[in-house]
């Protein structure tokens, strides 16, 4: 059964770094759009970064541009979200998602219907 295993969340001080991983099982990430989303209790889930499944285009939300980097390791069938210069407002549960029908770098949760990770909590606090 297709699923993601997420890892890498935790507690980090402001200005610190974390790398989140999503390892795909039961399906290949090739040609699939990949999205990273985050959600704070009481707020809607928002798109952080989304990779096109057909080319090299990547979208980053303005709030993370220049600090977060998404990448894909085809050999490991894994995607990563490298987060630098973390801020308290980055605190959230982070989710990865994949879909073979998502268009380009569309980065809305409703566009990803195929597979979602279980979420991993990132807390940025001193």
PDB file of N, CA and C in Angstrom:
ATOM      1  N   UNK A   1       0.850  -1.184   0.000  1.00  0.00           N
ATOM      2  CA  UNK A   1       0.000   0.000   0.000  1.00  0.00           C
ATOM      3  C   UNK A   1       0.886   1.233   0.000  1.00  0.00           C
ATOM      4  N   UNK A   2       0.526   2.193  -0.844  1.00  0.00           N
ATOM      5  CA  UNK A   2       1.344   3.390  -0.972  1.00  0.00           C
ATOM      6  C   UNK A   2       1.263   4.247   0.279  1.00  0.00           C
ATOM      7  N   UNK A   3       2.416   4.642   0.794  1.00  0.00           N
ATOM      8  CA  UNK A   3       2.431   5.552   1.916  1.00  0.00           C
ATOM      9  C   UNK A   3       3.783   6.224   2.021  1.00  0.00           C
ATOM     10  N   UNK A   4       3.813   7.296   2.817  1.00  0.00           N
ATOM     11  CA  UNK A   4       5.038   8.005   3.144  1.00  0.00           C
ATOM     12  C   UNK A   4       5.385   7.726   4.591  1.00  0.00           C
ATOM     13  N   UNK A   5       6.674   7.698   4.885  1.00  0.00           N
ATOM     14  CA  UNK A   5       7.143   7.709   6.259  1.00  0.00           C
ATOM     15  C   UNK A   5       7.920   9.002   6.454  1.00  0.00           C
ATOM     16  N   UNK A   6       7.392   9.861   7.309  1.00  0.00           N
ATOM     17  CA  UNK A   6       8.017  11.148   7.564  1.00  0.00           C
ATOM     18  C   UNK A   6       8.920  11.065   8.788  1.00  0.00           C
ATOM     19  N   UNK A   7       9.970  11.859   8.757  1.00  0.00           N
ATOM     20  CA  UNK A   7      10.853  11.943   9.911  1.00  0.00           C
ATOM     21  C   UNK A   7      11.586  13.278   9.897  1.00  0.00           C
ATOM     22  N   UNK A   8      12.206  13.598  11.012  1.00  0.00           N
ATOM     23  CA  UNK A   8      13.078  14.762  11.074  1.00  0.00           C
ATOM     24  C   UNK A   8      12.559  15.931  11.880  1.00  0.00           C
ATOM     25  N   UNK A   9      11.334  15.874  12.335  1.00  0.00           N
ATOM     26  CA  UNK A   9      10.820  16.977  13.130  1.00  0.00           C
ATOM     27  C   UNK A   9      11.442  17.001  14.517  1.00  0.00           C
ATOM     28  N   UNK A  10      11.173  18.080  15.248  1.00  0.00           N
ATOM     29  CA  UNK A  10      11.696  18.182  16.589  1.00  0.00           C
ATOM     30  C   UNK A  10      11.698  19.599  17.083  1.00  0.00           C
ATOM     31  N   UNK A  11      12.395  19.798  18.192  1.00  0.00           N
ATOM     32  CA  UNK A  11      12.517  21.119  18.805  1.00  0.00           C
ATOM     33  C   UNK A  11      13.849  21.738  18.390  1.00  0.00           C
ATOM     34  N   UNK A  12      13.795  22.973  17.941  1.00  0.00           N
ATOM     35  CA  UNK A  12      15.005  23.662  17.522  1.00  0.00           C
ATOM     36  C   UNK A  12      14.910  25.121  17.968  1.00  0.00           C
ATOM     37  N   UNK A  13      16.042  25.716  18.255  1.00  0.00           N
ATOM     38  CA  UNK A  13      16.056  27.123  18.660  1.00  0.00           C
ATOM     39  C   UNK A  13      15.915  28.024  17.444  1.00  0.00           C
ATOM     40  N   UNK A  14      15.405  29.221  17.642  1.00  0.00           N
ATOM     41  CA  UNK A  14      15.342  30.172  16.521  1.00  0.00           C
ATOM     42  C   UNK A  14      16.719  30.348  15.891  1.00  0.00           C
ATOM     43  N   UNK A  15      16.730  30.368  14.571  1.00  0.00           N
ATOM     44  CA  UNK A  15      17.984  30.453  13.837  1.00  0.00           C
ATOM     45  C   UNK A  15      18.584  29.113  13.500  1.00  0.00           C
ATOM     46  N   UNK A  16      18.032  28.055  14.053  1.00  0.00           N
ATOM     47  CA  UNK A  16      18.555  26.719  13.817  1.00  0.00           C
ATOM     48  C   UNK A  16      18.056  26.096  12.526  1.00  0.00           C
ATOM     49  N   UNK A  17      18.447  24.839  12.331  1.00  0.00           N
ATOM     50  CA  UNK A  17      18.126  24.125  11.097  1.00  0.00           C
ATOM     51  C   UNK A  17      17.545  22.753  11.409  1.00  0.00           C
ATOM     52  N   UNK A  18      16.750  22.274  10.487  1.00  0.00           N
ATOM     53  CA  UNK A  18      16.223  20.919  10.534  1.00  0.00           C
ATOM     54  C   UNK A  18      16.070  20.419   9.114  1.00  0.00           C
ATOM     55  N   UNK A  19      16.147  19.115   8.949  1.00  0.00           N
ATOM     56  CA  UNK A  19      15.847  18.517   7.651  1.00  0.00           C
ATOM     57  C   UNK A  19      14.756  17.471   7.836  1.00  0.00           C
ATOM     58  N   UNK A  20      13.673  17.676   7.140  1.00  0.00           N
ATOM     59  CA  UNK A  20      12.581  16.716   7.144  1.00  0.00           C
ATOM     60  C   UNK A  20      12.742  15.751   5.973  1.00  0.00           C
ATOM     61  N   UNK A  21      12.375  14.505   6.201  1.00  0.00           N
ATOM     62  CA  UNK A  21      12.452  13.486   5.158  1.00  0.00           C
ATOM     63  C   UNK A  21      11.104  12.815   4.987  1.00  0.00           C
ATOM     64  N   UNK A  22      10.804  12.477   3.766  1.00  0.00           N
ATOM     65  CA  UNK A  22       9.617  11.681   3.464  1.00  0.00           C
ATOM     66  C   UNK A  22      10.047  10.547   2.552  1.00  0.00           C
ATOM     67  N   UNK A  23      10.040   9.349   3.080  1.00  0.00           N
ATOM     68  CA  UNK A  23      10.428   8.178   2.309  1.00  0.00           C
ATOM     69  C   UNK A  23       9.180   7.501   1.762  1.00  0.00           C
ATOM     70  N   UNK A  24       9.134   7.346   0.448  1.00  0.00           N
ATOM     71  CA  UNK A  24       7.963   6.760  -0.198  1.00  0.00           C
ATOM     72  C   UNK A  24       8.068   5.242  -0.220  1.00  0.00           C
ATOM     73  N   UNK A  25       6.962   4.583   0.061  1.00  0.00           N
ATOM     74  CA  UNK A  25       6.908   3.128   0.042  1.00  0.00           C
ATOM     75  C   UNK A  25       5.677   2.686  -0.732  1.00  0.00           C
ATOM     76  N   UNK A  26       5.868   1.709  -1.610  1.00  0.00           N
ATOM     77  CA  UNK A  26       4.738   1.198  -2.375  1.00  0.00           C
ATOM     78  C   UNK A  26       4.423   1.972  -3.630  1.00  0.00           C
ATOM     79  N   UNK A  27       5.196   3.001  -3.914  1.00  0.00           N
ATOM     80  CA  UNK A  27       5.019   3.765  -5.138  1.00  0.00           C
ATOM     81  C   UNK A  27       6.316   4.520  -5.414  1.00  0.00           C
ATOM     82  N   UNK A  28       6.455   4.991  -6.645  1.00  0.00           N
ATOM     83  CA  UNK A  28       7.627   5.753  -7.006  1.00  0.00           C
ATOM     84  C   UNK A  28       7.303   7.239  -7.061  1.00  0.00           C
ATOM     85  N   UNK A  29       8.301   8.039  -6.686  1.00  0.00           N
ATOM     86  CA  UNK A  29       8.115   9.478  -6.741  1.00  0.00           C
ATOM     87  C   UNK A  29       8.336  10.030  -8.151  1.00  0.00           C
ATOM     88  N   UNK A  30       8.863   9.211  -9.051  1.00  0.00           N
ATOM     89  CA  UNK A  30       9.103   9.663 -10.417  1.00  0.00           C
ATOM     90  C   UNK A  30       7.822  10.184 -11.052  1.00  0.00           C
ATOM     91  N   UNK A  31       7.942  11.333 -11.678  1.00  0.00           N
ATOM     92  CA  UNK A  31       6.835  11.946 -12.426  1.00  0.00           C
ATOM     93  C   UNK A  31       5.658  12.345 -11.547  1.00  0.00           C
ATOM     94  N   UNK A  32       5.863  12.391 -10.255  1.00  0.00           N
ATOM     95  CA  UNK A  32       4.805  12.850  -9.355  1.00  0.00           C
ATOM     96  C   UNK A  32       5.134  14.221  -8.798  1.00  0.00           C
ATOM     97  N   UNK A  33       4.136  15.060  -8.725  1.00  0.00           N
ATOM     98  CA  UNK A  33       4.312  16.311  -8.016  1.00  0.00           C
ATOM     99  C   UNK A  33       4.463  16.025  -6.522  1.00  0.00           C
ATOM    100  N   UNK A  34       5.331  16.770  -5.883  1.00  0.00           N
ATOM    101  CA  UNK A  34       5.593  16.601  -4.455  1.00  0.00           C
ATOM    102  C   UNK A  34       5.322  17.923  -3.762  1.00  0.00           C
ATOM    103  N   UNK A  35       4.609  17.851  -2.667  1.00  0.00           N
ATOM    104  CA  UNK A  35       4.324  19.063  -1.920  1.00  0.00           C
ATOM    105  C   UNK A  35       4.681  18.924  -0.460  1.00  0.00           C
ATOM    106  N   UNK A  36       5.113  20.026   0.108  1.00  0.00           N
ATOM    107  CA  UNK A  36       5.313  20.133   1.560  1.00  0.00           C
ATOM    108  C   UNK A  36       4.320  21.170   2.066  1.00  0.00           C
ATOM    109  N   UNK A  37       3.602  20.811   3.113  1.00  0.00           N
ATOM    110  CA  UNK A  37       2.577  21.670   3.683  1.00  0.00           C
ATOM    111  C   UNK A  37       2.785  21.731   5.188  1.00  0.00           C
ATOM    112  N   UNK A  38       2.191  22.743   5.802  1.00  0.00           N
ATOM    113  CA  UNK A  38       2.263  22.825   7.255  1.00  0.00           C
ATOM    114  C   UNK A  38       0.944  23.344   7.803  1.00  0.00           C
ATOM    115  N   UNK A  39       0.710  22.985   9.059  1.00  0.00           N
ATOM    116  CA  UNK A  39      -0.550  23.383   9.677  1.00  0.00           C
ATOM    117  C   UNK A  39      -0.343  23.671  11.153  1.00  0.00           C
ATOM    118  N   UNK A  40      -0.892  24.797  11.554  1.00  0.00           N
ATOM    119  CA  UNK A  40      -0.916  25.198  12.951  1.00  0.00           C
ATOM    120  C   UNK A  40      -2.335  24.979  13.464  1.00  0.00           C
ATOM    121  N   UNK A  41      -2.511  24.497  14.698  1.00  0.00           N
ATOM    122  CA  UNK A  41      -3.867  24.286  15.217  1.00  0.00           C
ATOM    123  C   UNK A  41      -4.739  25.524  15.059  1.00  0.00           C
ATOM    124  N   UNK A  42      -5.929  25.311  14.528  1.00  0.00           N
ATOM    125  CA  UNK A  42      -6.862  26.417  14.351  1.00  0.00           C
ATOM    126  C   UNK A  42      -6.718  27.148  13.043  1.00  0.00           C
ATOM    127  N   UNK A  43      -5.713  26.779  12.262  1.00  0.00           N
ATOM    128  CA  UNK A  43      -5.499  27.435  10.980  1.00  0.00           C
ATOM    129  C   UNK A  43      -5.546  26.414   9.853  1.00  0.00           C
ATOM    130  N   UNK A  44      -5.739  26.913   8.643  1.00  0.00           N
ATOM    131  CA  UNK A  44      -5.782  26.023   7.490  1.00  0.00           C
ATOM    132  C   UNK A  44      -4.374  25.543   7.146  1.00  0.00           C
ATOM    133  N   UNK A  45      -4.339  24.365   6.545  1.00  0.00           N
ATOM    134  CA  UNK A  45      -3.066  23.842   6.067  1.00  0.00           C
ATOM    135  C   UNK A  45      -2.603  24.709   4.898  1.00  0.00           C
ATOM    136  N   UNK A  46      -1.307  25.050   4.891  1.00  0.00           N
ATOM    137  CA  UNK A  46      -0.789  25.924   3.851  1.00  0.00           C
ATOM    138  C   UNK A  46       0.372  25.278   3.113  1.00  0.00           C
ATOM    139  N   UNK A  47       0.519  25.665   1.863  1.00  0.00           N
ATOM    140  CA  UNK A  47       1.616  25.156   1.060  1.00  0.00           C
ATOM    141  C   UNK A  47       2.917  25.845   1.400  1.00  0.00           C
ATOM    142  N   UNK A  48       3.957  25.077   1.582  1.00  0.00           N
ATOM    143  CA  UNK A  48       5.288  25.593   1.896  1.00  0.00           C
ATOM    144  C   UNK A  48       6.168  25.557   0.646  1.00  0.00           C
ATOM    145  N   UNK A  49       6.203  24.400  -0.006  1.00  0.00           N
ATOM    146  CA  UNK A  49       7.011  24.244  -1.204  1.00  0.00           C
ATOM    147  C   UNK A  49       6.466  23.087  -2.011  1.00  0.00           C
ATOM    148  N   UNK A  50       6.449  23.246  -3.322  1.00  0.00           N
ATOM    149  CA  UNK A  50       5.933  22.198  -4.186  1.00  0.00           C
ATOM    150  C   UNK A  50       6.812  22.028  -5.415  1.00  0.00           C
ATOM    151  N   UNK A  51       7.105  20.784  -5.751  1.00  0.00           N
ATOM    152  CA  UNK A  51       7.959  20.439  -6.891  1.00  0.00           C
ATOM    153  C   UNK A  51       7.108  19.864  -8.005  1.00  0.00           C
ATOM    154  N   UNK A  52       7.353  20.326  -9.200  1.00  0.00           N
ATOM    155  CA  UNK A  52       6.681  19.747 -10.355  1.00  0.00           C
ATOM    156  C   UNK A  52       7.166  18.326 -10.584  1.00  0.00           C
ATOM    157  N   UNK A  53       6.267  17.473 -11.029  1.00  0.00           N
ATOM    158  CA  UNK A  53       6.642  16.099 -11.337  1.00  0.00           C
ATOM    159  C   UNK A  53       7.196  15.936 -12.749  1.00  0.00           C
ATOM    160  N   UNK A  54       7.089  16.981 -13.574  1.00  0.00           N
ATOM    161  CA  UNK A  54       7.444  16.856 -14.992  1.00  0.00           C
ATOM    162  C   UNK A  54       8.684  17.642 -15.380  1.00  0.00           C
ATOM    163  N   UNK A  55       9.089  18.588 -14.552  1.00  0.00           N
ATOM    164  CA  UNK A  55      10.275  19.382 -14.873  1.00  0.00           C
ATOM    165  C   UNK A  55      10.899  19.835 -13.573  1.00  0.00           C
ATOM    166  N   UNK A  56      11.808  20.789 -13.650  1.00  0.00           N
ATOM    167  CA  UNK A  56      12.582  21.179 -12.467  1.00  0.00           C
ATOM    168  C   UNK A  56      11.983  22.344 -11.695  1.00  0.00           C
ATOM    169  N   UNK A  57      10.796  22.754 -12.047  1.00  0.00           N
ATOM    170  CA  UNK A  57      10.202  23.906 -11.363  1.00  0.00           C
ATOM    171  C   UNK A  57       9.868  23.594  -9.925  1.00  0.00           C
ATOM    172  N   UNK A  58      10.136  24.582  -9.079  1.00  0.00           N
ATOM    173  CA  UNK A  58       9.834  24.475  -7.657  1.00  0.00           C
ATOM    174  C   UNK A  58       9.202  25.781  -7.195  1.00  0.00           C
ATOM    175  N   UNK A  59       8.163  25.661  -6.414  1.00  0.00           N
ATOM    176  CA  UNK A  59       7.500  26.821  -5.812  1.00  0.00           C
ATOM    177  C   UNK A  59       7.865  26.875  -4.334  1.00  0.00           C
ATOM    178  N   UNK A  60       8.122  28.078  -3.854  1.00  0.00           N
ATOM    179  CA  UNK A  60       8.314  28.305  -2.417  1.00  0.00           C
ATOM    180  C   UNK A  60       7.372  29.420  -1.977  1.00  0.00           C
ATOM    181  N   UNK A  61       6.730  29.220  -0.849  1.00  0.00           N
ATOM    182  CA  UNK A  61       5.932  30.294  -0.274  1.00  0.00           C
ATOM    183  C   UNK A  61       6.854  31.455   0.089  1.00  0.00           C
ATOM    184  N   UNK A  62       6.357  32.660  -0.013  1.00  0.00           N
ATOM    185  CA  UNK A  62       7.166  33.842   0.306  1.00  0.00           C
ATOM    186  C   UNK A  62       7.749  33.767   1.710  1.00  0.00           C
ATOM    187  N   UNK A  63       7.000  33.179   2.628  1.00  0.00           N
ATOM    188  CA  UNK A  63       7.432  33.141   4.026  1.00  0.00           C
ATOM    189  C   UNK A  63       8.657  32.258   4.251  1.00  0.00           C
ATOM    190  N   UNK A  64       8.970  31.386   3.295  1.00  0.00           N
ATOM    191  CA  UNK A  64      10.103  30.468   3.474  1.00  0.00           C
ATOM    192  C   UNK A  64      11.171  30.630   2.395  1.00  0.00           C
ATOM    193  N   UNK A  65      10.889  31.455   1.400  1.00  0.00           N
ATOM    194  CA  UNK A  65      11.813  31.617   0.280  1.00  0.00           C
ATOM    195  C   UNK A  65      13.176  32.077   0.785  1.00  0.00           C
ATOM    196  N   UNK A  66      14.225  31.414   0.319  1.00  0.00           N
ATOM    197  CA  UNK A  66      15.578  31.743   0.748  1.00  0.00           C
ATOM    198  C   UNK A  66      16.022  31.029   2.006  1.00  0.00           C
ATOM    199  N   UNK A  67      15.094  30.390   2.692  1.00  0.00           N
ATOM    200  CA  UNK A  67      15.437  29.667   3.929  1.00  0.00           C
ATOM    201  C   UNK A  67      15.205  28.166   3.801  1.00  0.00           C
ATOM    202  N   UNK A  68      14.219  27.768   3.033  1.00  0.00           N
ATOM    203  CA  UNK A  68      13.875  26.349   2.874  1.00  0.00           C
ATOM    204  C   UNK A  68      14.283  25.878   1.493  1.00  0.00           C
ATOM    205  N   UNK A  69      14.702  24.618   1.418  1.00  0.00           N
ATOM    206  CA  UNK A  69      15.066  24.020   0.135  1.00  0.00           C
ATOM    207  C   UNK A  69      14.485  22.616   0.059  1.00  0.00           C
ATOM    208  N   UNK A  70      13.784  22.344  -1.019  1.00  0.00           N
ATOM    209  CA  UNK A  70      13.216  21.013  -1.214  1.00  0.00           C
ATOM    210  C   UNK A  70      14.072  20.267  -2.240  1.00  0.00           C
ATOM    211  N   UNK A  71      14.188  18.969  -2.046  1.00  0.00           N
ATOM    212  CA  UNK A  71      14.959  18.158  -2.982  1.00  0.00           C
ATOM    213  C   UNK A  71      14.383  16.758  -3.038  1.00  0.00           C
ATOM    214  N   UNK A  72      14.788  16.057  -4.063  1.00  0.00           N
ATOM    215  CA  UNK A  72      14.276  14.693  -4.302  1.00  0.00           C
ATOM    216  C   UNK A  72      15.457  13.792  -4.595  1.00  0.00           C
ATOM    217  N   UNK A  73      15.532  12.649  -3.917  1.00  0.00           N
ATOM    218  CA  UNK A  73      16.559  11.636  -4.171  1.00  0.00           C
ATOM    219  C   UNK A  73      15.871  10.441  -4.818  1.00  0.00           C
ATOM    220  N   UNK A  74      16.044  10.310  -6.122  1.00  0.00           N
ATOM    221  CA  UNK A  74      15.337   9.244  -6.834  1.00  0.00           C
ATOM    222  C   UNK A  74      15.812   7.873  -6.404  1.00  0.00           C
ATOM    223  N   UNK A  75      17.097   7.731  -6.161  1.00  0.00           N
ATOM    224  CA  UNK A  75      17.638   6.425  -5.784  1.00  0.00           C
ATOM    225  C   UNK A  75      17.046   5.936  -4.465  1.00  0.00           C
ATOM    226  N   UNK A  76      16.797   6.885  -3.544  1.00  0.00           N
ATOM    227  CA  UNK A  76      16.241   6.521  -2.239  1.00  0.00           C
ATOM    228  C   UNK A  76      14.725   6.660  -2.204  1.00  0.00           C
ATOM    229  N   UNK A  77      14.153   7.160  -3.304  1.00  0.00           N
ATOM    230  CA  UNK A  77      12.704   7.369  -3.362  1.00  0.00           C
ATOM    231  C   UNK A  77      12.239   8.212  -2.175  1.00  0.00           C
ATOM    232  N   UNK A  78      12.977   9.263  -1.942  1.00  0.00           N
ATOM    233  CA  UNK A  78      12.771  10.096  -0.753  1.00  0.00           C
ATOM    234  C   UNK A  78      12.832  11.572  -1.142  1.00  0.00           C
ATOM    235  N   UNK A  79      12.025  12.367  -0.472  1.00  0.00           N
ATOM    236  CA  UNK A  79      12.080  13.811  -0.647  1.00  0.00           C
ATOM    237  C   UNK A  79      12.458  14.458   0.675  1.00  0.00           C
ATOM    238  N   UNK A  80      13.087  15.606   0.568  1.00  0.00           N
ATOM    239  CA  UNK A  80      13.594  16.292   1.746  1.00  0.00           C
ATOM    240  C   UNK A  80      13.128  17.753   1.753  1.00  0.00           C
ATOM    241  N   UNK A  81      13.001  18.280   2.956  1.00  0.00           N
ATOM    242  CA  UNK A  81      12.784  19.712   3.125  1.00  0.00           C
ATOM    243  C   UNK A  81      13.844  20.195   4.106  1.00  0.00           C
ATOM    244  N   UNK A  82      14.830  20.893   3.577  1.00  0.00           N
ATOM    245  CA  UNK A  82      15.887  21.456   4.404  1.00  0.00           C
ATOM    246  C   UNK A  82      15.437  22.837   4.859  1.00  0.00           C
ATOM    247  N   UNK A  83      15.418  23.041   6.165  1.00  0.00           N
ATOM    248  CA  UNK A  83      14.920  24.293   6.725  1.00  0.00           C
ATOM    249  C   UNK A  83      16.051  24.976   7.497  1.00  0.00           C
ATOM    250  N   UNK A  84      16.342  26.189   7.094  1.00  0.00           N
ATOM    251  CA  UNK A  84      17.405  26.972   7.716  1.00  0.00           C
ATOM    252  C   UNK A  84      16.809  28.248   8.331  1.00  0.00           C
ATOM    253  N   UNK A  85      17.583  28.850   9.209  1.00  0.00           N
ATOM    254  CA  UNK A  85      17.180  30.132   9.829  1.00  0.00           C
ATOM    255  C   UNK A  85      15.746  30.069  10.330  1.00  0.00           C
ATOM    256  N   UNK A  86      15.457  29.038  11.057  1.00  0.00           N
ATOM    257  CA  UNK A  86      14.084  28.814  11.490  1.00  0.00           C
ATOM    258  C   UNK A  86      13.615  29.903  12.449  1.00  0.00           C
ATOM    259  N   UNK A  87      12.328  30.198  12.338  1.00  0.00           N
ATOM    260  CA  UNK A  87      11.700  31.234  13.145  1.00  0.00           C
ATOM    261  C   UNK A  87      10.570  30.625  13.973  1.00  0.00           C
ATOM    262  N   UNK A  88      10.206  31.243  15.075  1.00  0.00           N
ATOM    263  CA  UNK A  88       9.085  30.706  15.867  1.00  0.00           C
ATOM    264  C   UNK A  88       7.816  30.533  15.031  1.00  0.00           C
ATOM    265  N   UNK A  89       7.600  31.390  14.071  1.00  0.00           N
ATOM    266  CA  UNK A  89       6.389  31.274  13.242  1.00  0.00           C
ATOM    267  C   UNK A  89       6.443  30.101  12.268  1.00  0.00           C
ATOM    268  N   UNK A  90       7.573  29.405  12.196  1.00  0.00           N
ATOM    269  CA  UNK A  90       7.651  28.172  11.404  1.00  0.00           C
ATOM    270  C   UNK A  90       7.132  26.970  12.179  1.00  0.00           C
ATOM    271  N   UNK A  91       6.833  27.155  13.453  1.00  0.00           N
ATOM    272  CA  UNK A  91       6.307  26.068  14.267  1.00  0.00           C
ATOM    273  C   UNK A  91       4.992  25.565  13.691  1.00  0.00           C
ATOM    274  N   UNK A  92       4.922  24.264  13.428  1.00  0.00           N
ATOM    275  CA  UNK A  92       3.739  23.678  12.809  1.00  0.00           C
ATOM    276  C   UNK A  92       3.963  22.167  12.666  1.00  0.00           C
ATOM    277  N   UNK A  93       2.901  21.476  12.312  1.00  0.00           N
ATOM    278  CA  UNK A  93       3.030  20.096  11.845  1.00  0.00           C
ATOM    279  C   UNK A  93       3.249  20.157  10.335  1.00  0.00           C
ATOM    280  N   UNK A  94       4.295  19.507   9.895  1.00  0.00           N
ATOM    281  CA  UNK A  94       4.664  19.526   8.481  1.00  0.00           C
ATOM    282  C   UNK A  94       4.277  18.196   7.842  1.00  0.00           C
ATOM    283  N   UNK A  95       3.704  18.296   6.656  1.00  0.00           N
ATOM    284  CA  UNK A  95       3.250  17.127   5.912  1.00  0.00           C
ATOM    285  C   UNK A  95       3.868  17.129   4.520  1.00  0.00           C
ATOM    286  N   UNK A  96       4.191  15.941   4.022  1.00  0.00           N
ATOM    287  CA  UNK A  96       4.540  15.800   2.617  1.00  0.00           C
ATOM    288  C   UNK A  96       3.366  15.137   1.901  1.00  0.00           C
ATOM    289  N   UNK A  97       3.296  15.354   0.612  1.00  0.00           N
ATOM    290  CA  UNK A  97       2.226  14.782  -0.186  1.00  0.00           C
ATOM    291  C   UNK A  97       2.709  14.572  -1.612  1.00  0.00           C
ATOM    292  N   UNK A  98       2.072  13.637  -2.297  1.00  0.00           N
ATOM    293  CA  UNK A  98       2.427  13.355  -3.687  1.00  0.00           C
ATOM    294  C   UNK A  98       1.170  13.098  -4.487  1.00  0.00           C
ATOM    295  N   UNK A  99       1.220  13.474  -5.752  1.00  0.00           N
ATOM    296  CA  UNK A  99       0.089  13.214  -6.637  1.00  0.00           C
ATOM    297  C   UNK A  99       0.594  13.203  -8.073  1.00  0.00           C
ATOM    298  N   UNK A 100       0.128  12.247  -8.869  1.00  0.00           N
ATOM    299  CA  UNK A 100       0.588  12.165 -10.254  1.00  0.00           C
ATOM    300  C   UNK A 100      -0.269  12.997 -11.203  1.00  0.00           C
ATOM    301  N   UNK A 101      -1.290  13.669 -10.639  1.00  0.00           N
ATOM    302  CA  UNK A 101      -2.158  14.470 -11.497  1.00  0.00           C
ATOM    303  C   UNK A 101      -2.067  15.961 -11.213  1.00  0.00           C
ATOM    304  N   UNK A 102      -1.273  16.327 -10.218  1.00  0.00           N
ATOM    305  CA  UNK A 102      -1.203  17.746  -9.876  1.00  0.00           C
ATOM    306  C   UNK A 102      -0.488  18.489 -10.995  1.00  0.00           C
ATOM    307  N   UNK A 103      -0.972  19.670 -11.298  1.00  0.00           N
ATOM    308  CA  UNK A 103      -0.426  20.455 -12.403  1.00  0.00           C
ATOM    309  C   UNK A 103       0.734  21.329 -11.945  1.00  0.00           C
ATOM    310  N   UNK A 104       1.890  21.106 -12.537  1.00  0.00           N
ATOM    311  CA  UNK A 104       3.036  21.959 -12.294  1.00  0.00           C
ATOM    312  C   UNK A 104       3.383  22.095 -10.832  1.00  0.00           C
ATOM    313  N   UNK A 105       3.510  23.333 -10.379  1.00  0.00           N
ATOM    314  CA  UNK A 105       3.875  23.600  -8.990  1.00  0.00           C
ATOM    315  C   UNK A 105       2.684  24.118  -8.188  1.00  0.00           C
ATOM    316  N   UNK A 106       1.490  23.701  -8.586  1.00  0.00           N
ATOM    317  CA  UNK A 106       0.303  24.044  -7.793  1.00  0.00           C
ATOM    318  C   UNK A 106       0.541  23.602  -6.358  1.00  0.00           C
ATOM    319  N   UNK A 107       0.289  24.472  -5.426  1.00  0.00           N
ATOM    320  CA  UNK A 107       0.684  24.180  -4.052  1.00  0.00           C
ATOM    321  C   UNK A 107      -0.477  24.413  -3.084  1.00  0.00           C
ATOM    322  N   UNK A 108      -1.597  23.780  -3.379  1.00  0.00           N
ATOM    323  CA  UNK A 108      -2.749  23.805  -2.483  1.00  0.00           C
ATOM    324  C   UNK A 108      -3.029  22.389  -2.017  1.00  0.00           C
ATOM    325  N   UNK A 109      -3.372  22.220  -0.747  1.00  0.00           N
ATOM    326  CA  UNK A 109      -3.603  20.854  -0.234  1.00  0.00           C
ATOM    327  C   UNK A 109      -4.649  20.084  -1.033  1.00  0.00           C
ATOM    328  N   UNK A 110      -5.690  20.770  -1.513  1.00  0.00           N
ATOM    329  CA  UNK A 110      -6.763  20.064  -2.214  1.00  0.00           C
ATOM    330  C   UNK A 110      -6.277  19.433  -3.522  1.00  0.00           C
ATOM    331  N   UNK A 111      -5.138  19.902  -4.049  1.00  0.00           N
ATOM    332  CA  UNK A 111      -4.619  19.375  -5.314  1.00  0.00           C
ATOM    333  C   UNK A 111      -3.895  18.045  -5.133  1.00  0.00           C
ATOM    334  N   UNK A 112      -3.590  17.692  -3.911  1.00  0.00           N
ATOM    335  CA  UNK A 112      -2.838  16.468  -3.631  1.00  0.00           C
ATOM    336  C   UNK A 112      -3.775  15.443  -3.007  1.00  0.00           C
ATOM    337  N   UNK A 113      -4.175  14.469  -3.788  1.00  0.00           N
ATOM    338  CA  UNK A 113      -5.175  13.503  -3.334  1.00  0.00           C
ATOM    339  C   UNK A 113      -4.604  12.102  -3.159  1.00  0.00           C
ATOM    340  N   UNK A 114      -3.405  11.853  -3.696  1.00  0.00           N
ATOM    341  CA  UNK A 114      -2.947  10.484  -3.812  1.00  0.00           C
ATOM    342  C   UNK A 114      -2.370   9.919  -2.517  1.00  0.00           C
ATOM    343  N   UNK A 115      -1.314  10.577  -1.995  1.00  0.00           N
ATOM    344  CA  UNK A 115      -0.638  10.067  -0.806  1.00  0.00           C
ATOM    345  C   UNK A 115      -0.221  11.237   0.081  1.00  0.00           C
ATOM    346  N   UNK A 116      -0.451  11.091   1.368  1.00  0.00           N
ATOM    347  CA  UNK A 116      -0.016  12.075   2.366  1.00  0.00           C
ATOM    348  C   UNK A 116       0.820  11.391   3.449  1.00  0.00           C
ATOM    349  N   UNK A 117       1.828  12.099   3.925  1.00  0.00           N
ATOM    350  CA  UNK A 117       2.571  11.620   5.076  1.00  0.00           C
ATOM    351  C   UNK A 117       1.756  11.821   6.357  1.00  0.00           C
ATOM    352  N   UNK A 118       2.259  11.248   7.435  1.00  0.00           N
ATOM    353  CA  UNK A 118       1.520  11.291   8.699  1.00  0.00           C
ATOM    354  C   UNK A 118       1.719  12.602   9.448  1.00  0.00           C
ATOM    355  N   UNK A 119       2.670  13.398   9.005  1.00  0.00           N
ATOM    356  CA  UNK A 119       2.948  14.665   9.657  1.00  0.00           C
ATOM    357  C   UNK A 119       4.044  14.528  10.691  1.00  0.00           C
ATOM    358  N   UNK A 120       4.848  15.578  10.805  1.00  0.00           N
ATOM    359  CA  UNK A 120       5.900  15.616  11.813  1.00  0.00           C
ATOM    360  C   UNK A 120       5.931  17.021  12.410  1.00  0.00           C
ATOM    361  N   UNK A 121       6.027  17.092  13.720  1.00  0.00           N
ATOM    362  CA  UNK A 121       5.948  18.368  14.422  1.00  0.00           C
ATOM    363  C   UNK A 121       7.306  19.049  14.451  1.00  0.00           C
ATOM    364  N   UNK A 122       7.305  20.301  14.047  1.00  0.00           N
ATOM    365  CA  UNK A 122       8.486  21.161  14.147  1.00  0.00           C
ATOM    366  C   UNK A 122       8.160  22.279  15.128  1.00  0.00           C
ATOM    367  N   UNK A 123       8.963  22.393  16.161  1.00  0.00           N
ATOM    368  CA  UNK A 123       8.768  23.442  17.159  1.00  0.00           C
ATOM    369  C   UNK A 123      10.017  24.306  17.204  1.00  0.00           C
ATOM    370  N   UNK A 124       9.833  25.595  16.961  1.00  0.00           N
ATOM    371  CA  UNK A 124      10.952  26.535  16.988  1.00  0.00           C
ATOM    372  C   UNK A 124      10.766  27.431  18.208  1.00  0.00           C
ATOM    373  N   UNK A 125      11.606  27.227  19.197  1.00  0.00           N
ATOM    374  CA  UNK A 125      11.445  27.956  20.452  1.00  0.00           C
ATOM    375  C   UNK A 125      12.757  27.972  21.214  1.00  0.00           C
ATOM    376  N   UNK A 126      12.956  29.042  21.959  1.00  0.00           N
ATOM    377  CA  UNK A 126      14.140  29.120  22.814  1.00  0.00           C
ATOM    378  C   UNK A 126      13.811  28.652  24.223  1.00  0.00           C
TER     379      UNK A 126
END
